[in-house]
Amino acid sequence: MLHQLVFGGAISLFNIGLHAVLVAWLILIAHRAARAAAAARPVLRLMTITGSAAAVLMAGHMVEIGVWAAFYALAGVAPAGQPFYFAFVNYTTLGYGDVVPIAEWRVIGPMTAANGVLLFGLSTAVLFEVLRSAGSGAQQPRP
């Protein structure tokens, strides 16, 4: 079980690092866009900035699921041809149970789920910050 914790922890930390870079970049862009578009139509600005942020975060989650899937494929955790599906089901905590890992990797699925829950929660907080930032851009005077 120790090897599962080591690999799962390493992959989780890698994905958290990816997400941190994406989130930092996204928040900086959102703050700049909110300041630059302060005079634009508020509804259009909010829709554009929030929609773009959500799309970028979803793309980030797909990459993170891909990282788990690559590990599953390399380690032979999931049945052939199903590592991305298995990673997706675990990362989103759906846990259908139609694909199960080999016995020596049973703990890796819950570790993937814990990573997904953490990063989805972070994405929710980021969307809130982006929306707050974009919404407050209209009230701030331009320098």
C-alpha atoms as a PDB file:
ATOM      1  CA  MET A   1       0.000   0.000   0.000  1.00  0.00           C
ATOM      2  CA  LEU A   2       2.943   2.344   0.554  1.00  0.00           C
ATOM      3  CA  HIS A   3       3.689   2.464  -3.184  1.00  0.00           C
ATOM      4  CA  GLN A   4       0.096   3.602  -3.815  1.00  0.00           C
ATOM      5  CA  LEU A   5       0.431   6.414  -1.295  1.00  0.00           C
ATOM      6  CA  VAL A   6       3.771   7.520  -2.741  1.00  0.00           C
ATOM      7  CA  PHE A   7       2.637   7.522  -6.369  1.00  0.00           C
ATOM      8  CA  GLY A   8      -0.808   8.913  -5.556  1.00  0.00           C
ATOM      9  CA  GLY A   9       0.698  11.649  -3.408  1.00  0.00           C
ATOM     10  CA  ALA A  10       3.228  12.572  -6.083  1.00  0.00           C
ATOM     11  CA  ILE A  11       0.584  12.751  -8.809  1.00  0.00           C
ATOM     12  CA  SER A  12      -1.705  14.765  -6.542  1.00  0.00           C
ATOM     13  CA  LEU A  13       1.082  17.245  -5.778  1.00  0.00           C
ATOM     14  CA  PHE A  14       1.921  17.527  -9.477  1.00  0.00           C
ATOM     15  CA  ASN A  15      -1.740  18.235 -10.311  1.00  0.00           C
ATOM     16  CA  ILE A  16      -2.015  20.746  -7.464  1.00  0.00           C
ATOM     17  CA  GLY A  17       1.050  22.520  -8.890  1.00  0.00           C
ATOM     18  CA  LEU A  18      -0.501  22.575 -12.372  1.00  0.00           C
ATOM     19  CA  HIS A  19      -3.728  23.931 -10.949  1.00  0.00           C
ATOM     20  CA  ALA A  20      -1.903  26.571  -8.882  1.00  0.00           C
ATOM     21  CA  VAL A  21      -0.130  27.902 -11.977  1.00  0.00           C
ATOM     22  CA  LEU A  22      -3.380  27.931 -13.950  1.00  0.00           C
ATOM     23  CA  VAL A  23      -5.290  29.636 -11.140  1.00  0.00           C
ATOM     24  CA  ALA A  24      -2.636  32.301 -10.536  1.00  0.00           C
ATOM     25  CA  TRP A  25      -2.530  33.100 -14.242  1.00  0.00           C
ATOM     26  CA  LEU A  26      -6.321  33.164 -14.475  1.00  0.00           C
ATOM     27  CA  ILE A  27      -6.778  35.498 -11.503  1.00  0.00           C
ATOM     28  CA  LEU A  28      -4.150  37.916 -12.838  1.00  0.00           C
ATOM     29  CA  ILE A  29      -5.810  37.951 -16.260  1.00  0.00           C
ATOM     30  CA  ALA A  30      -9.262  38.446 -14.708  1.00  0.00           C
ATOM     31  CA  HIS A  31      -8.078  41.387 -12.584  1.00  0.00           C
ATOM     32  CA  ARG A  32      -6.468  43.024 -15.618  1.00  0.00           C
ATOM     33  CA  ALA A  33      -9.510  42.387 -17.797  1.00  0.00           C
ATOM     34  CA  ALA A  34     -11.836  43.810 -15.151  1.00  0.00           C
ATOM     35  CA  ARG A  35      -9.788  47.008 -14.923  1.00  0.00           C
ATOM     36  CA  ALA A  36      -9.419  47.327 -18.686  1.00  0.00           C
ATOM     37  CA  ALA A  37     -13.115  46.710 -19.396  1.00  0.00           C
ATOM     38  CA  ALA A  38     -14.529  48.877 -16.612  1.00  0.00           C
ATOM     39  CA  ALA A  39     -16.449  51.011 -19.101  1.00  0.00           C
ATOM     40  CA  ALA A  40     -17.818  48.062 -21.102  1.00  0.00           C
ATOM     41  CA  ARG A  41     -21.343  46.740 -20.673  1.00  0.00           C
ATOM     42  CA  PRO A  42     -21.398  45.089 -17.227  1.00  0.00           C
ATOM     43  CA  VAL A  43     -23.460  42.040 -18.209  1.00  0.00           C
ATOM     44  CA  LEU A  44     -21.383  41.316 -21.289  1.00  0.00           C
ATOM     45  CA  ARG A  45     -18.159  41.789 -19.302  1.00  0.00           C
ATOM     46  CA  LEU A  46     -19.302  39.392 -16.560  1.00  0.00           C
ATOM     47  CA  MET A  47     -20.446  36.790 -19.079  1.00  0.00           C
ATOM     48  CA  THR A  48     -17.234  36.951 -21.074  1.00  0.00           C
ATOM     49  CA  ILE A  49     -14.822  36.898 -18.150  1.00  0.00           C
ATOM     50  CA  THR A  50     -16.676  34.256 -16.132  1.00  0.00           C
ATOM     51  CA  GLY A  51     -17.332  32.044 -19.167  1.00  0.00           C
ATOM     52  CA  SER A  52     -13.714  32.237 -20.240  1.00  0.00           C
ATOM     53  CA  ALA A  53     -12.504  31.443 -16.722  1.00  0.00           C
ATOM     54  CA  ALA A  54     -14.824  28.432 -16.491  1.00  0.00           C
ATOM     55  CA  ALA A  55     -13.624  27.145 -19.878  1.00  0.00           C
ATOM     56  CA  VAL A  56      -9.970  27.497 -18.875  1.00  0.00           C
ATOM     57  CA  LEU A  57     -10.590  25.717 -15.561  1.00  0.00           C
ATOM     58  CA  MET A  58     -12.436  22.874 -17.314  1.00  0.00           C
ATOM     59  CA  ALA A  59      -9.537  22.485 -19.732  1.00  0.00           C
ATOM     60  CA  GLY A  60      -7.198  22.376 -16.738  1.00  0.00           C
ATOM     61  CA  HIS A  61      -9.261  19.632 -15.136  1.00  0.00           C
ATOM     62  CA  MET A  62      -9.121  17.626 -18.373  1.00  0.00           C
ATOM     63  CA  VAL A  63      -5.320  17.893 -18.347  1.00  0.00           C
ATOM     64  CA  GLU A  64      -5.224  16.804 -14.690  1.00  0.00           C
ATOM     65  CA  ILE A  65      -7.452  13.817 -15.468  1.00  0.00           C
ATOM     66  CA  GLY A  66      -5.083  13.059 -18.335  1.00  0.00           C
ATOM     67  CA  VAL A  67      -2.152  13.014 -15.895  1.00  0.00           C
ATOM     68  CA  TRP A  68      -3.962  10.402 -13.785  1.00  0.00           C
ATOM     69  CA  ALA A  69      -4.897   8.439 -16.911  1.00  0.00           C
ATOM     70  CA  ALA A  70      -1.285   8.412 -18.121  1.00  0.00           C
ATOM     71  CA  PHE A  71      -0.201   7.016 -14.769  1.00  0.00           C
ATOM     72  CA  TYR A  72      -2.983   4.412 -14.852  1.00  0.00           C
ATOM     73  CA  ALA A  73      -1.882   3.341 -18.337  1.00  0.00           C
ATOM     74  CA  LEU A  74       1.835   3.190 -17.470  1.00  0.00           C
ATOM     75  CA  ALA A  75       1.267   1.301 -14.210  1.00  0.00           C
ATOM     76  CA  GLY A  76      -1.357  -1.024 -15.696  1.00  0.00           C
ATOM     77  CA  VAL A  77      -3.873   0.013 -13.030  1.00  0.00           C
ATOM     78  CA  ALA A  78      -6.994   0.024 -15.219  1.00  0.00           C
ATOM     79  CA  PRO A  79      -8.009  -2.417 -17.956  1.00  0.00           C
ATOM     80  CA  ALA A  80      -6.508  -1.740 -21.390  1.00  0.00           C
ATOM     81  CA  GLY A  81      -8.276   0.991 -23.317  1.00  0.00           C
ATOM     82  CA  GLN A  82      -9.993   2.433 -20.238  1.00  0.00           C
ATOM     83  CA  PRO A  83      -7.454   4.503 -18.250  1.00  0.00           C
ATOM     84  CA  PHE A  84      -8.947   7.891 -19.182  1.00  0.00           C
ATOM     85  CA  TYR A  85     -12.485   6.734 -18.437  1.00  0.00           C
ATOM     86  CA  PHE A  86     -11.372   5.215 -15.130  1.00  0.00           C
ATOM     87  CA  ALA A  87      -9.446   8.379 -14.204  1.00  0.00           C
ATOM     88  CA  PHE A  88     -12.426  10.569 -15.138  1.00  0.00           C
ATOM     89  CA  VAL A  89     -14.867   8.521 -13.045  1.00  0.00           C
ATOM     90  CA  ASN A  90     -12.544   8.587 -10.039  1.00  0.00           C
ATOM     91  CA  TYR A  91     -11.509  12.256 -10.341  1.00  0.00           C
ATOM     92  CA  THR A  92     -15.144  13.375 -10.441  1.00  0.00           C
ATOM     93  CA  THR A  93     -16.033  10.987  -7.566  1.00  0.00           C
ATOM     94  CA  LEU A  94     -18.755   9.285  -9.611  1.00  0.00           C
ATOM     95  CA  GLY A  95     -17.365   5.823  -8.891  1.00  0.00           C
ATOM     96  CA  TYR A  96     -19.646   3.819 -11.167  1.00  0.00           C
ATOM     97  CA  GLY A  97     -17.868   0.596 -10.267  1.00  0.00           C
ATOM     98  CA  ASP A  98     -17.959  -0.787 -13.804  1.00  0.00           C
ATOM     99  CA  VAL A  99     -14.160  -0.540 -14.051  1.00  0.00           C
ATOM    100  CA  VAL A 100     -12.059  -1.496 -11.067  1.00  0.00           C
ATOM    101  CA  PRO A 101      -8.304  -1.319 -10.599  1.00  0.00           C
ATOM    102  CA  ILE A 102      -6.162  -4.382 -10.156  1.00  0.00           C
ATOM    103  CA  ALA A 103      -6.014  -5.539  -6.534  1.00  0.00           C
ATOM    104  CA  GLU A 104      -2.602  -4.062  -5.750  1.00  0.00           C
ATOM    105  CA  TRP A 105      -3.817  -0.549  -6.730  1.00  0.00           C
ATOM    106  CA  ARG A 106      -7.185  -0.350  -4.898  1.00  0.00           C
ATOM    107  CA  VAL A 107      -6.231   2.782  -2.914  1.00  0.00           C
ATOM    108  CA  ILE A 108      -5.284   4.840  -5.985  1.00  0.00           C
ATOM    109  CA  GLY A 109      -8.937   5.445  -6.975  1.00  0.00           C
ATOM    110  CA  PRO A 110      -9.858   7.169  -3.700  1.00  0.00           C
ATOM    111  CA  MET A 111      -6.634   9.200  -3.911  1.00  0.00           C
ATOM    112  CA  THR A 112      -7.664  10.349  -7.388  1.00  0.00           C
ATOM    113  CA  ALA A 113     -11.090  11.267  -6.007  1.00  0.00           C
ATOM    114  CA  ALA A 114      -9.584  13.259  -3.133  1.00  0.00           C
ATOM    115  CA  ASN A 115      -7.418  15.156  -5.632  1.00  0.00           C
ATOM    116  CA  GLY A 116     -10.450  15.890  -7.808  1.00  0.00           C
ATOM    117  CA  VAL A 117     -12.576  17.102  -4.887  1.00  0.00           C
ATOM    118  CA  LEU A 118      -9.799  19.417  -3.729  1.00  0.00           C
ATOM    119  CA  LEU A 119      -9.205  20.883  -7.179  1.00  0.00           C
ATOM    120  CA  PHE A 120     -12.915  21.258  -8.007  1.00  0.00           C
ATOM    121  CA  GLY A 121     -13.331  23.144  -4.733  1.00  0.00           C
ATOM    122  CA  LEU A 122     -10.407  25.382  -5.614  1.00  0.00           C
ATOM    123  CA  SER A 123     -11.918  26.003  -9.046  1.00  0.00           C
ATOM    124  CA  THR A 124     -15.191  27.041  -7.429  1.00  0.00           C
ATOM    125  CA  ALA A 125     -13.350  29.541  -5.230  1.00  0.00           C
ATOM    126  CA  VAL A 126     -11.456  30.852  -8.254  1.00  0.00           C
ATOM    127  CA  LEU A 127     -14.673  31.349 -10.240  1.00  0.00           C
ATOM    128  CA  PHE A 128     -16.091  33.275  -7.297  1.00  0.00           C
ATOM    129  CA  GLU A 129     -12.974  35.483  -7.180  1.00  0.00           C
ATOM    130  CA  VAL A 130     -13.066  36.045 -10.936  1.00  0.00           C
ATOM    131  CA  LEU A 131     -16.744  36.988 -10.761  1.00  0.00           C
ATOM    132  CA  ARG A 132     -16.112  39.292  -7.789  1.00  0.00           C
ATOM    133  CA  SER A 133     -13.190  40.911  -9.544  1.00  0.00           C
ATOM    134  CA  ALA A 134     -15.074  41.359 -12.808  1.00  0.00           C
ATOM    135  CA  GLY A 135     -18.123  42.716 -11.004  1.00  0.00           C
ATOM    136  CA  SER A 136     -16.129  45.245  -9.020  1.00  0.00           C
ATOM    137  CA  GLY A 137     -14.330  46.565 -12.102  1.00  0.00           C
ATOM    138  CA  ALA A 138     -17.221  48.870 -13.015  1.00  0.00           C
ATOM    139  CA  GLN A 139     -17.180  50.627  -9.638  1.00  0.00           C
ATOM    140  CA  GLN A 140     -13.465  51.396  -9.643  1.00  0.00           C
ATOM    141  CA  PRO A 141     -12.395  54.639 -11.301  1.00  0.00           C
ATOM    142  CA  ARG A 142      -9.833  54.320 -14.063  1.00  0.00           C
ATOM    143  CA  PRO A 143      -6.349  55.574 -13.179  1.00  0.00           C
END
